[in-house]
C-alpha atoms as a PDB file:
ATOM      1  CA  MET A   1      56.279-121.009 114.442  1.00  0.00           C
ATOM      2  CA  PRO A   2      52.717-120.790 115.860  1.00  0.00           C
ATOM      3  CA  LEU A   3      49.837-121.860 113.680  1.00  0.00           C
ATOM      4  CA  ARG A   4      47.594-119.319 112.026  1.00  0.00           C
ATOM      5  CA  LEU A   5      43.997-120.396 111.456  1.00  0.00           C
ATOM      6  CA  GLU A   6      42.086-119.125 108.423  1.00  0.00           C
ATOM      7  CA  LEU A   7      38.374-119.796 107.970  1.00  0.00           C
ATOM      8  CA  HIS A   8      35.930-119.024 105.220  1.00  0.00           C
ATOM      9  CA  ASN A   9      32.675-120.402 103.873  1.00  0.00           C
ATOM     10  CA  GLU A  10      31.958-121.107 100.212  1.00  0.00           C
ATOM     11  CA  PRO A  11      28.475-121.443  98.618  1.00  0.00           C
ATOM     12  CA  LEU A  12      29.371-124.227  96.114  1.00  0.00           C
ATOM     13  CA  PRO A  13      26.314-124.003  93.850  1.00  0.00           C
ATOM     14  CA  MET A  14      25.320-127.154  91.990  1.00  0.00           C
ATOM     15  CA  SER A  15      24.932-127.200  88.237  1.00  0.00           C
ATOM     16  CA  ALA A  16      21.331-128.482  88.547  1.00  0.00           C
ATOM     17  CA  PRO A  17      18.902-129.178  91.410  1.00  0.00           C
ATOM     18  CA  PHE A  18      19.469-132.593  92.977  1.00  0.00           C
ATOM     19  CA  ARG A  19      16.601-134.470  94.610  1.00  0.00           C
ATOM     20  CA  ILE A  20      16.682-137.146  97.298  1.00  0.00           C
ATOM     21  CA  ALA A  21      13.946-138.395  99.631  1.00  0.00           C
ATOM     22  CA  GLY A  22      12.435-135.355 101.339  1.00  0.00           C
ATOM     23  CA  ARG A  23      14.893-132.751 100.051  1.00  0.00           C
ATOM     24  CA  VAL A  24      16.143-130.901  96.971  1.00  0.00           C
ATOM     25  CA  PHE A  25      19.663-129.455  96.937  1.00  0.00           C
ATOM     26  CA  GLU A  26      20.686-126.483  94.825  1.00  0.00           C
ATOM     27  CA  ALA A  27      24.050-125.966  96.561  1.00  0.00           C
ATOM     28  CA  MET A  28      26.277-127.734  99.049  1.00  0.00           C
ATOM     29  CA  PRO A  29      27.948-124.945 101.068  1.00  0.00           C
ATOM     30  CA  ALA A  30      31.176-125.765 102.872  1.00  0.00           C
ATOM     31  CA  THR A  31      33.586-124.410 105.454  1.00  0.00           C
ATOM     32  CA  VAL A  32      37.240-124.330 104.412  1.00  0.00           C
ATOM     33  CA  VAL A  33      39.970-124.455 107.063  1.00  0.00           C
ATOM     34  CA  THR A  34      43.562-123.459 106.341  1.00  0.00           C
ATOM     35  CA  LEU A  35      46.352-123.876 108.890  1.00  0.00           C
ATOM     36  CA  ARG A  36      49.630-122.040 108.226  1.00  0.00           C
ATOM     37  CA  ASP A  37      52.897-122.204 110.110  1.00  0.00           C
ATOM     38  CA  GLY A  38      54.872-119.904 107.827  1.00  0.00           C
ATOM     39  CA  ALA A  39      56.582-122.548 105.717  1.00  0.00           C
ATOM     40  CA  HIS A  40      53.686-124.961 105.282  1.00  0.00           C
ATOM     41  CA  SER A  41      49.916-124.994 105.082  1.00  0.00           C
ATOM     42  CA  GLY A  42      47.153-127.541 105.371  1.00  0.00           C
ATOM     43  CA  ARG A  43      43.586-127.329 104.089  1.00  0.00           C
ATOM     44  CA  GLY A  44      40.366-129.119 104.815  1.00  0.00           C
ATOM     45  CA  GLU A  45      36.799-128.749 103.550  1.00  0.00           C
ATOM     46  CA  GLY A  46      33.649-129.734 105.426  1.00  0.00           C
ATOM     47  CA  ALA A  47      30.005-129.527 104.367  1.00  0.00           C
ATOM     48  CA  GLY A  48      28.555-130.825 107.633  1.00  0.00           C
ATOM     49  CA  VAL A  49      25.599-133.156 108.081  1.00  0.00           C
ATOM     50  CA  TYR A  50      22.383-131.395 107.060  1.00  0.00           C
ATOM     51  CA  TYR A  51      20.036-133.845 108.845  1.00  0.00           C
ATOM     52  CA  ASN A  52      21.806-133.101 112.133  1.00  0.00           C
ATOM     53  CA  ASP A  53      21.519-129.326 111.650  1.00  0.00           C
ATOM     54  CA  ASP A  54      25.275-129.270 111.093  1.00  0.00           C
ATOM     55  CA  HIS A  55      25.788-126.402 108.640  1.00  0.00           C
ATOM     56  CA  PRO A  56      28.754-124.247 107.570  1.00  0.00           C
ATOM     57  CA  ASP A  57      27.654-121.133 109.472  1.00  0.00           C
ATOM     58  CA  GLY A  58      27.619-123.076 112.731  1.00  0.00           C
ATOM     59  CA  MET A  59      30.767-124.963 111.819  1.00  0.00           C
ATOM     60  CA  ARG A  60      32.685-121.764 111.222  1.00  0.00           C
ATOM     61  CA  ALA A  61      31.424-120.285 114.495  1.00  0.00           C
ATOM     62  CA  THR A  62      32.476-123.441 116.360  1.00  0.00           C
ATOM     63  CA  LEU A  63      35.989-123.291 114.965  1.00  0.00           C
ATOM     64  CA  GLU A  64      36.297-119.560 115.506  1.00  0.00           C
ATOM     65  CA  ALA A  65      35.436-120.015 119.181  1.00  0.00           C
ATOM     66  CA  LEU A  66      38.296-122.524 119.442  1.00  0.00           C
ATOM     67  CA  ARG A  67      40.826-120.342 117.629  1.00  0.00           C
ATOM     68  CA  PRO A  68      43.179-119.877 120.624  1.00  0.00           C
ATOM     69  CA  ARG A  69      43.267-123.621 121.277  1.00  0.00           C
ATOM     70  CA  ILE A  70      43.782-124.463 117.608  1.00  0.00           C
ATOM     71  CA  GLU A  71      46.502-121.878 117.052  1.00  0.00           C
ATOM     72  CA  ALA A  72      48.314-123.073 120.178  1.00  0.00           C
ATOM     73  CA  GLY A  73      48.781-126.385 118.345  1.00  0.00           C
ATOM     74  CA  LEU A  74      47.004-129.718 118.590  1.00  0.00           C
ATOM     75  CA  ASP A  75      47.339-133.146 117.059  1.00  0.00           C
ATOM     76  CA  ARG A  76      44.646-135.180 115.363  1.00  0.00           C
ATOM     77  CA  GLU A  77      44.043-137.436 118.354  1.00  0.00           C
ATOM     78  CA  SER A  78      43.564-134.405 120.634  1.00  0.00           C
ATOM     79  CA  LEU A  79      41.096-133.038 118.104  1.00  0.00           C
ATOM     80  CA  ARG A  80      38.925-136.150 118.508  1.00  0.00           C
ATOM     81  CA  SER A  81      38.462-135.173 122.152  1.00  0.00           C
ATOM     82  CA  LEU A  82      38.107-131.456 121.477  1.00  0.00           C
ATOM     83  CA  LEU A  83      35.214-131.608 118.981  1.00  0.00           C
ATOM     84  CA  PRO A  84      32.359-134.042 118.344  1.00  0.00           C
ATOM     85  CA  ALA A  85      32.016-135.841 115.039  1.00  0.00           C
ATOM     86  CA  GLY A  86      30.744-133.592 112.257  1.00  0.00           C
ATOM     87  CA  GLY A  87      31.751-131.136 109.603  1.00  0.00           C
ATOM     88  CA  ALA A  88      33.826-128.764 111.747  1.00  0.00           C
ATOM     89  CA  ARG A  89      36.041-131.554 113.012  1.00  0.00           C
ATOM     90  CA  ASN A  90      36.307-133.002 109.516  1.00  0.00           C
ATOM     91  CA  ALA A  91      37.566-129.752 107.994  1.00  0.00           C
ATOM     92  CA  LEU A  92      40.109-129.231 110.766  1.00  0.00           C
ATOM     93  CA  ASP A  93      41.227-132.873 110.832  1.00  0.00           C
ATOM     94  CA  CYS A  94      41.866-132.874 107.076  1.00  0.00           C
ATOM     95  CA  ALA A  95      43.784-129.601 107.374  1.00  0.00           C
ATOM     96  CA  LEU A  96      46.003-131.235 110.008  1.00  0.00           C
ATOM     97  CA  TRP A  97      46.603-134.196 107.690  1.00  0.00           C
ATOM     98  CA  GLU A  98      47.758-131.972 104.842  1.00  0.00           C
ATOM     99  CA  LEU A  99      49.874-129.851 107.171  1.00  0.00           C
ATOM    100  CA  GLU A 100      51.603-133.014 108.403  1.00  0.00           C
ATOM    101  CA  ALA A 101      52.113-134.161 104.811  1.00  0.00           C
ATOM    102  CA  GLN A 102      53.776-130.871 103.929  1.00  0.00           C
ATOM    103  CA  ARG A 103      55.964-130.831 107.014  1.00  0.00           C
ATOM    104  CA  SER A 104      57.103-134.420 106.464  1.00  0.00           C
ATOM    105  CA  GLY A 105      57.289-134.306 102.674  1.00  0.00           C
ATOM    106  CA  LEU A 106      55.251-137.509 102.577  1.00  0.00           C
ATOM    107  CA  PRO A 107      51.908-138.014 100.827  1.00  0.00           C
ATOM    108  CA  ALA A 108      48.885-138.222 103.099  1.00  0.00           C
ATOM    109  CA  TRP A 109      48.250-141.752 101.864  1.00  0.00           C
ATOM    110  CA  ARG A 110      51.649-142.855 103.101  1.00  0.00           C
ATOM    111  CA  LEU A 111      50.967-141.246 106.462  1.00  0.00           C
ATOM    112  CA  ALA A 112      47.772-143.333 106.478  1.00  0.00           C
ATOM    113  CA  GLY A 113      49.815-146.530 106.187  1.00  0.00           C
ATOM    114  CA  LEU A 114      49.458-147.214 102.464  1.00  0.00           C
ATOM    115  CA  GLU A 115      52.293-148.316 100.179  1.00  0.00           C
ATOM    116  CA  GLY A 116      50.615-146.676  97.191  1.00  0.00           C
ATOM    117  CA  VAL A 117      47.265-145.613  95.785  1.00  0.00           C
ATOM    118  CA  ARG A 118      45.246-146.841  92.840  1.00  0.00           C
ATOM    119  CA  PRO A 119      42.408-145.285  90.850  1.00  0.00           C
ATOM    120  CA  LEU A 120      39.053-146.221  92.365  1.00  0.00           C
ATOM    121  CA  LEU A 121      35.969-147.399  90.540  1.00  0.00           C
ATOM    122  CA  THR A 122      33.273-144.960  91.669  1.00  0.00           C
ATOM    123  CA  THR A 123      29.530-144.798  91.400  1.00  0.00           C
ATOM    124  CA  PHE A 124      27.873-141.949  89.530  1.00  0.00           C
ATOM    125  CA  THR A 125      24.649-140.797  91.145  1.00  0.00           C
ATOM    126  CA  VAL A 126      21.285-140.141  89.519  1.00  0.00           C
ATOM    127  CA  GLY A 127      18.957-137.887  91.513  1.00  0.00           C
ATOM    128  CA  ALA A 128      15.330-138.868  92.049  1.00  0.00           C
ATOM    129  CA  ASP A 129      13.028-137.895  89.183  1.00  0.00           C
ATOM    130  CA  ALA A 130      10.519-139.422  86.774  1.00  0.00           C
ATOM    131  CA  PRO A 131      11.587-142.934  85.701  1.00  0.00           C
ATOM    132  CA  GLU A 132      12.234-141.969  82.087  1.00  0.00           C
ATOM    133  CA  VAL A 133      14.264-138.917  83.152  1.00  0.00           C
ATOM    134  CA  MET A 134      16.408-141.013  85.468  1.00  0.00           C
ATOM    135  CA  ALA A 135      16.972-143.547  82.706  1.00  0.00           C
ATOM    136  CA  GLU A 136      18.162-140.784  80.368  1.00  0.00           C
ATOM    137  CA  ARG A 137      20.478-139.338  82.989  1.00  0.00           C
ATOM    138  CA  ALA A 138      21.899-142.738  83.829  1.00  0.00           C
ATOM    139  CA  ALA A 139      22.573-143.464  80.163  1.00  0.00           C
ATOM    140  CA  ALA A 140      24.306-140.092  79.830  1.00  0.00           C
ATOM    141  CA  TYR A 141      27.032-141.354  82.172  1.00  0.00           C
ATOM    142  CA  VAL A 142      28.681-143.050  79.226  1.00  0.00           C
ATOM    143  CA  GLN A 143      31.863-143.857  81.174  1.00  0.00           C
ATOM    144  CA  ALA A 144      30.074-145.212  84.232  1.00  0.00           C
ATOM    145  CA  ARG A 145      30.641-148.787  85.316  1.00  0.00           C
ATOM    146  CA  ALA A 146      28.672-148.228  88.536  1.00  0.00           C
ATOM    147  CA  LEU A 147      25.535-146.177  89.190  1.00  0.00           C
ATOM    148  CA  LYS A 148      23.663-145.117  92.300  1.00  0.00           C
ATOM    149  CA  LEU A 149      19.976-144.222  92.063  1.00  0.00           C
ATOM    150  CA  LYS A 150      18.250-141.952  94.550  1.00  0.00           C
ATOM    151  CA  LEU A 151      14.836-143.206  95.651  1.00  0.00           C
ATOM    152  CA  THR A 152      12.114-141.389  97.612  1.00  0.00           C
ATOM    153  CA  GLY A 153      10.229-144.070  99.559  1.00  0.00           C
ATOM    154  CA  GLU A 154       7.316-144.272  97.117  1.00  0.00           C
ATOM    155  CA  ALA A 155       7.500-148.000  96.441  1.00  0.00           C
ATOM    156  CA  ALA A 156       5.600-148.164  93.149  1.00  0.00           C
ATOM    157  CA  LEU A 157       7.375-145.127  91.700  1.00  0.00           C
ATOM    158  CA  ASP A 158      10.755-146.310  92.964  1.00  0.00           C
ATOM    159  CA  ALA A 159      10.144-149.688  91.341  1.00  0.00           C
ATOM    160  CA  ALA A 160       9.428-147.973  88.040  1.00  0.00           C
ATOM    161  CA  ARG A 161      12.607-145.912  88.422  1.00  0.00           C
ATOM    162  CA  VAL A 162      14.741-148.981  89.042  1.00  0.00           C
ATOM    163  CA  ARG A 163      13.238-150.913  86.147  1.00  0.00           C
ATOM    164  CA  ALA A 164      13.595-147.987  83.740  1.00  0.00           C
ATOM    165  CA  VAL A 165      17.245-147.434  84.551  1.00  0.00           C
ATOM    166  CA  ARG A 166      18.131-151.118  84.414  1.00  0.00           C
ATOM    167  CA  ALA A 167      16.382-151.496  81.050  1.00  0.00           C
ATOM    168  CA  ARG A 168      18.368-148.567  79.658  1.00  0.00           C
ATOM    169  CA  CYS A 169      21.659-149.532  81.395  1.00  0.00           C
ATOM    170  CA  PRO A 170      21.923-153.332  81.468  1.00  0.00           C
ATOM    171  CA  GLY A 171      25.651-153.478  82.142  1.00  0.00           C
ATOM    172  CA  PRO A 172      26.674-151.336  85.151  1.00  0.00           C
ATOM    173  CA  TRP A 173      26.683-152.261  88.815  1.00  0.00           C
ATOM    174  CA  ILE A 174      23.692-150.453  90.359  1.00  0.00           C
ATOM    175  CA  GLY A 175      22.963-149.527  93.956  1.00  0.00           C
ATOM    176  CA  VAL A 176      19.978-147.590  95.254  1.00  0.00           C
ATOM    177  CA  ASP A 177      19.807-145.081  98.093  1.00  0.00           C
ATOM    178  CA  ALA A 178      16.511-144.538  99.890  1.00  0.00           C
ATOM    179  CA  ASN A 179      17.832-141.779 102.212  1.00  0.00           C
ATOM    180  CA  GLN A 180      15.576-142.954 105.076  1.00  0.00           C
ATOM    181  CA  GLY A 181      12.482-143.142 102.867  1.00  0.00           C
ATOM    182  CA  TYR A 182      11.077-146.541 103.925  1.00  0.00           C
ATOM    183  CA  ASP A 183       9.695-148.262 106.997  1.00  0.00           C
ATOM    184  CA  ALA A 184       8.747-151.783 108.023  1.00  0.00           C
ATOM    185  CA  ALA A 185       5.418-151.591 106.182  1.00  0.00           C
ATOM    186  CA  SER A 186       6.602-150.160 102.875  1.00  0.00           C
ATOM    187  CA  LEU A 187      10.024-151.745 102.341  1.00  0.00           C
ATOM    188  CA  PRO A 188       8.914-155.344 101.563  1.00  0.00           C
ATOM    189  CA  ALA A 189       7.146-154.163  98.390  1.00  0.00           C
ATOM    190  CA  LEU A 190      10.391-152.773  96.963  1.00  0.00           C
ATOM    191  CA  LEU A 191      12.736-155.669  97.653  1.00  0.00           C
ATOM    192  CA  PRO A 192      11.547-158.140  94.951  1.00  0.00           C
ATOM    193  CA  VAL A 193      12.006-155.428  92.331  1.00  0.00           C
ATOM    194  CA  LEU A 194      15.586-154.872  93.442  1.00  0.00           C
ATOM    195  CA  VAL A 195      16.298-158.588  93.062  1.00  0.00           C
ATOM    196  CA  GLU A 196      14.580-158.705  89.667  1.00  0.00           C
ATOM    197  CA  ALA A 197      16.646-155.751  88.407  1.00  0.00           C
ATOM    198  CA  GLY A 198      19.945-157.097  89.682  1.00  0.00           C
ATOM    199  CA  ILE A 199      20.484-154.286  92.191  1.00  0.00           C
ATOM    200  CA  SER A 200      23.614-154.814  94.293  1.00  0.00           C
ATOM    201  CA  LEU A 201      23.028-152.507  97.271  1.00  0.00           C
ATOM    202  CA  LEU A 202      20.203-150.855  99.216  1.00  0.00           C
ATOM    203  CA  GLU A 203      21.512-147.869 101.140  1.00  0.00           C
ATOM    204  CA  GLN A 204      19.760-146.443 104.209  1.00  0.00           C
ATOM    205  CA  PRO A 205      16.281-147.893 103.749  1.00  0.00           C
ATOM    206  CA  CYS A 206      14.881-146.698 107.116  1.00  0.00           C
ATOM    207  CA  ARG A 207      14.873-143.548 109.211  1.00  0.00           C
ATOM    208  CA  ARG A 208      17.779-142.873 111.526  1.00  0.00           C
ATOM    209  CA  GLY A 209      16.660-144.058 114.964  1.00  0.00           C
ATOM    210  CA  SER A 210      14.188-146.557 113.486  1.00  0.00           C
ATOM    211  CA  GLU A 211      16.671-149.281 112.638  1.00  0.00           C
ATOM    212  CA  SER A 212      14.438-151.843 114.373  1.00  0.00           C
ATOM    213  CA  ASP A 213      12.147-151.519 111.332  1.00  0.00           C
ATOM    214  CA  LEU A 214      14.643-153.780 109.580  1.00  0.00           C
ATOM    215  CA  ASP A 215      14.241-156.620 112.079  1.00  0.00           C
ATOM    216  CA  GLY A 216      12.763-159.678 110.431  1.00  0.00           C
ATOM    217  CA  ILE A 217      13.231-158.375 106.875  1.00  0.00           C
ATOM    218  CA  GLU A 218      15.424-160.612 104.745  1.00  0.00           C
ATOM    219  CA  HIS A 219      18.453-158.890 103.231  1.00  0.00           C
ATOM    220  CA  VAL A 220      17.834-160.080  99.691  1.00  0.00           C
ATOM    221  CA  VAL A 221      20.351-157.437  98.670  1.00  0.00           C
ATOM    222  CA  PRO A 222      22.989-156.020 101.050  1.00  0.00           C
ATOM    223  CA  PHE A 223      21.724-153.223 103.311  1.00  0.00           C
ATOM    224  CA  ALA A 224      24.078-150.282 103.852  1.00  0.00           C
ATOM    225  CA  ALA A 225      24.042-147.865 106.773  1.00  0.00           C
ATOM    226  CA  ASP A 226      24.553-144.187 105.982  1.00  0.00           C
ATOM    227  CA  GLU A 227      22.531-141.864 108.212  1.00  0.00           C
ATOM    228  CA  SER A 228      22.153-144.658 110.771  1.00  0.00           C
ATOM    229  CA  ILE A 229      25.880-144.842 111.570  1.00  0.00           C
ATOM    230  CA  LEU A 230      27.835-141.615 111.859  1.00  0.00           C
ATOM    231  CA  ASP A 231      30.966-142.435 113.844  1.00  0.00           C
ATOM    232  CA  LEU A 232      32.948-145.158 115.561  1.00  0.00           C
ATOM    233  CA  ALA A 233      30.672-145.338 118.602  1.00  0.00           C
ATOM    234  CA  GLU A 234      27.553-145.733 116.467  1.00  0.00           C
ATOM    235  CA  LEU A 235      29.283-148.376 114.370  1.00  0.00           C
ATOM    236  CA  ASP A 236      29.755-150.544 117.446  1.00  0.00           C
ATOM    237  CA  ALA A 237      26.171-149.921 118.580  1.00  0.00           C
ATOM    238  CA  ARG A 238      24.282-150.445 115.295  1.00  0.00           C
ATOM    239  CA  HIS A 239      26.352-152.518 112.901  1.00  0.00           C
ATOM    240  CA  HIS A 240      24.337-155.697 113.473  1.00  0.00           C
ATOM    241  CA  ARG A 241      21.444-154.518 111.308  1.00  0.00           C
ATOM    242  CA  PHE A 242      23.587-153.760 108.245  1.00  0.00           C
ATOM    243  CA  ASP A 243      25.909-155.512 105.817  1.00  0.00           C
ATOM    244  CA  VAL A 244      27.798-152.459 104.555  1.00  0.00           C
ATOM    245  CA  ILE A 245      28.981-149.362 106.411  1.00  0.00           C
ATOM    246  CA  ASN A 246      29.067-146.112 104.424  1.00  0.00           C
ATOM    247  CA  ILE A 247      31.751-143.886 105.962  1.00  0.00           C
ATOM    248  CA  LYS A 248      31.619-140.171 105.165  1.00  0.00           C
ATOM    249  CA  LEU A 249      34.236-137.828 106.560  1.00  0.00           C
ATOM    250  CA  ASP A 250      31.654-135.135 107.331  1.00  0.00           C
ATOM    251  CA  LYS A 251      29.688-137.639 109.414  1.00  0.00           C
ATOM    252  CA  CYS A 252      32.536-139.169 111.358  1.00  0.00           C
ATOM    253  CA  GLY A 253      34.629-136.037 111.794  1.00  0.00           C
ATOM    254  CA  GLY A 254      37.562-136.556 109.473  1.00  0.00           C
ATOM    255  CA  LEU A 255      40.001-138.978 107.932  1.00  0.00           C
ATOM    256  CA  THR A 256      41.449-139.951 111.312  1.00  0.00           C
ATOM    257  CA  GLU A 257      38.163-141.423 112.536  1.00  0.00           C
ATOM    258  CA  GLY A 258      37.233-142.661 109.070  1.00  0.00           C
ATOM    259  CA  LEU A 259      40.283-144.909 108.955  1.00  0.00           C
ATOM    260  CA  MET A 260      39.496-146.185 112.455  1.00  0.00           C
ATOM    261  CA  MET A 261      35.944-146.983 111.344  1.00  0.00           C
ATOM    262  CA  ALA A 262      37.140-148.854 108.263  1.00  0.00           C
ATOM    263  CA  ARG A 263      39.401-151.057 110.377  1.00  0.00           C
ATOM    264  CA  ARG A 264      36.657-151.701 112.933  1.00  0.00           C
ATOM    265  CA  ALA A 265      34.074-152.498 110.261  1.00  0.00           C
ATOM    266  CA  ARG A 266      36.421-155.115 108.835  1.00  0.00           C
ATOM    267  CA  GLU A 267      36.846-156.632 112.285  1.00  0.00           C
ATOM    268  CA  LEU A 268      33.057-156.860 112.516  1.00  0.00           C
ATOM    269  CA  GLY A 269      32.858-158.660 109.173  1.00  0.00           C
ATOM    270  CA  LYS A 270      31.241-155.772 107.308  1.00  0.00           C
ATOM    271  CA  GLN A 271      31.906-154.412 103.857  1.00  0.00           C
ATOM    272  CA  VAL A 272      33.113-150.824 103.794  1.00  0.00           C
ATOM    273  CA  MET A 273      31.923-147.983 101.583  1.00  0.00           C
ATOM    274  CA  VAL A 274      33.161-144.412 101.298  1.00  0.00           C
ATOM    275  CA  GLY A 275      30.755-141.630 100.387  1.00  0.00           C
ATOM    276  CA  ASN A 276      30.680-137.863 100.254  1.00  0.00           C
ATOM    277  CA  MET A 277      28.407-134.900 100.939  1.00  0.00           C
ATOM    278  CA  CYS A 278      29.094-133.560  97.442  1.00  0.00           C
ATOM    279  CA  GLY A 279      32.004-131.116  97.930  1.00  0.00           C
ATOM    280  CA  THR A 280      34.963-130.130  95.782  1.00  0.00           C
ATOM    281  CA  SER A 281      38.127-132.064  95.061  1.00  0.00           C
ATOM    282  CA  LEU A 282      39.476-130.775  98.377  1.00  0.00           C
ATOM    283  CA  ALA A 283      36.805-132.891 100.091  1.00  0.00           C
ATOM    284  CA  ALA A 284      37.186-135.805  97.681  1.00  0.00           C
ATOM    285  CA  ALA A 285      40.976-136.128  98.108  1.00  0.00           C
ATOM    286  CA  PRO A 286      41.051-137.296 101.759  1.00  0.00           C
ATOM    287  CA  ALA A 287      38.032-139.517 101.038  1.00  0.00           C
ATOM    288  CA  PHE A 288      40.069-141.000  98.172  1.00  0.00           C
ATOM    289  CA  VAL A 289      42.686-142.056 100.734  1.00  0.00           C
ATOM    290  CA  LEU A 290      39.978-143.759 102.800  1.00  0.00           C
ATOM    291  CA  GLY A 291      38.593-145.288  99.613  1.00  0.00           C
ATOM    292  CA  GLN A 292      41.770-147.333  99.220  1.00  0.00           C
ATOM    293  CA  TYR A 293      40.455-149.453 102.103  1.00  0.00           C
ATOM    294  CA  CYS A 294      36.872-149.737 100.794  1.00  0.00           C
ATOM    295  CA  ASP A 295      34.813-152.219  98.791  1.00  0.00           C
ATOM    296  CA  ILE A 296      32.395-149.630  97.372  1.00  0.00           C
ATOM    297  CA  VAL A 297      33.315-146.071  96.399  1.00  0.00           C
ATOM    298  CA  ASP A 298      30.866-143.198  95.888  1.00  0.00           C
ATOM    299  CA  LEU A 299      33.043-140.142  95.240  1.00  0.00           C
ATOM    300  CA  ASP A 300      31.374-138.288  92.382  1.00  0.00           C
ATOM    301  CA  GLY A 301      30.589-135.138  94.400  1.00  0.00           C
ATOM    302  CA  PRO A 302      32.722-132.677  92.418  1.00  0.00           C
ATOM    303  CA  THR A 303      30.884-133.579  89.197  1.00  0.00           C
ATOM    304  CA  PHE A 304      27.699-131.930  90.504  1.00  0.00           C
ATOM    305  CA  LEU A 305      29.210-128.503  91.153  1.00  0.00           C
ATOM    306  CA  VAL A 306      29.251-125.480  88.892  1.00  0.00           C
ATOM    307  CA  GLN A 307      32.984-125.161  89.529  1.00  0.00           C
ATOM    308  CA  ASP A 308      35.613-127.384  91.125  1.00  0.00           C
ATOM    309  CA  ARG A 309      39.032-126.455  92.460  1.00  0.00           C
ATOM    310  CA  THR A 310      42.268-126.554  90.488  1.00  0.00           C
ATOM    311  CA  PRO A 311      44.087-128.909  90.593  1.00  0.00           C
ATOM    312  CA  SER A 312      41.274-131.394  90.817  1.00  0.00           C
ATOM    313  CA  VAL A 313      40.500-135.081  90.880  1.00  0.00           C
ATOM    314  CA  ARG A 314      39.960-136.694  87.487  1.00  0.00           C
ATOM    315  CA  TYR A 315      37.298-139.112  86.243  1.00  0.00           C
ATOM    316  CA  GLU A 316      38.295-141.524  83.511  1.00  0.00           C
ATOM    317  CA  ASP A 317      36.599-144.721  82.333  1.00  0.00           C
ATOM    318  CA  GLY A 318      34.459-144.865  85.472  1.00  0.00           C
ATOM    319  CA  PHE A 319      37.390-144.378  87.872  1.00  0.00           C
ATOM    320  CA  ILE A 320      38.379-141.458  90.096  1.00  0.00           C
ATOM    321  CA  HIS A 321      42.061-140.486  90.052  1.00  0.00           C
ATOM    322  CA  CYS A 322      43.613-138.194  92.652  1.00  0.00           C
ATOM    323  CA  GLY A 323      47.215-137.009  92.458  1.00  0.00           C
ATOM    324  CA  ASP A 324      49.259-135.661  95.341  1.00  0.00           C
ATOM    325  CA  GLU A 325      49.030-132.184  93.824  1.00  0.00           C
ATOM    326  CA  VAL A 326      45.338-132.021  94.803  1.00  0.00           C
ATOM    327  CA  TRP A 327      45.948-132.398  98.553  1.00  0.00           C
ATOM    328  CA  GLY A 328      49.274-133.239 100.057  1.00  0.00           C
ATOM    329  CA  PRO A 329      52.985-132.445 100.306  1.00  0.00           C
ATOM    330  CA  ARG A 330      53.416-129.386  98.137  1.00  0.00           C
ATOM    331  CA  THR A 331      55.123-126.126  98.984  1.00  0.00           C
ATOM    332  CA  SER A 332      52.775-123.475 100.342  1.00  0.00           C
ATOM    333  CA  PRO A 333      52.545-120.273  98.263  1.00  0.00           C
END
């Protein structure tokens, strides 16, 4: 039976404003793709990449323009040629994964080559704010074994933030995310503080396109690429300046490319991280499959939303759990 494509956008308001370097989020809107063939259906959710002007309104328009091609049927490899990396391809790719899982009766993780899945230790993220506020918020994550702190590129203030959180939370693994906030002149002032506080990761210290700012700076903690490396091609071009590659399905265009990136990053001797652009459990579930291959997991996005989907992922004792009922081989209503 021919495929039927359904598209809609959802506002996904956040329960509180969330601040990173240069931006405050109050919602993380997403495009939801559903593919139906009569007996089965597959869903995917994409938020896009805001710093590339990749937003749900444009994503939905892109997919709508391709409706005849999509409904005529395509596989995931053909999709990689049909659309560039980004949120639209991610939503459609993940819908194709779930559709295949339903048709085959196999979980998506088995289709991805896994023998099983395990709960994943995930970071819980603290948005940028006054040092004492961030320390309180970090401490409120009573189950957290790993934290990620958002920084803004203000070296003295960021140092105070890091010290305040570490003083309040001496036990957890802590990484920091600068979201492109630093450059060659400002970054050296921050690094000794990260060492002093026992910080285990510095994510995206420099602006995308200014990776040469990192040349000559000692990696006293591992440097992770987020905005700097979107897809497989950029991984091959830019990996040499980073120790860890943060793969996000909205950046790379779906689970298909995400798995390819994880394998390639390993070949290049890099650690692998999976992240998210917030999103509901429908976005977290395919990222959870990718997370089975990763060293660092940052999949707390659903916890920031006013409302998640049902069924949903679960967070227990610092771990994310995701059952097949969230995204996979169930019977379509």
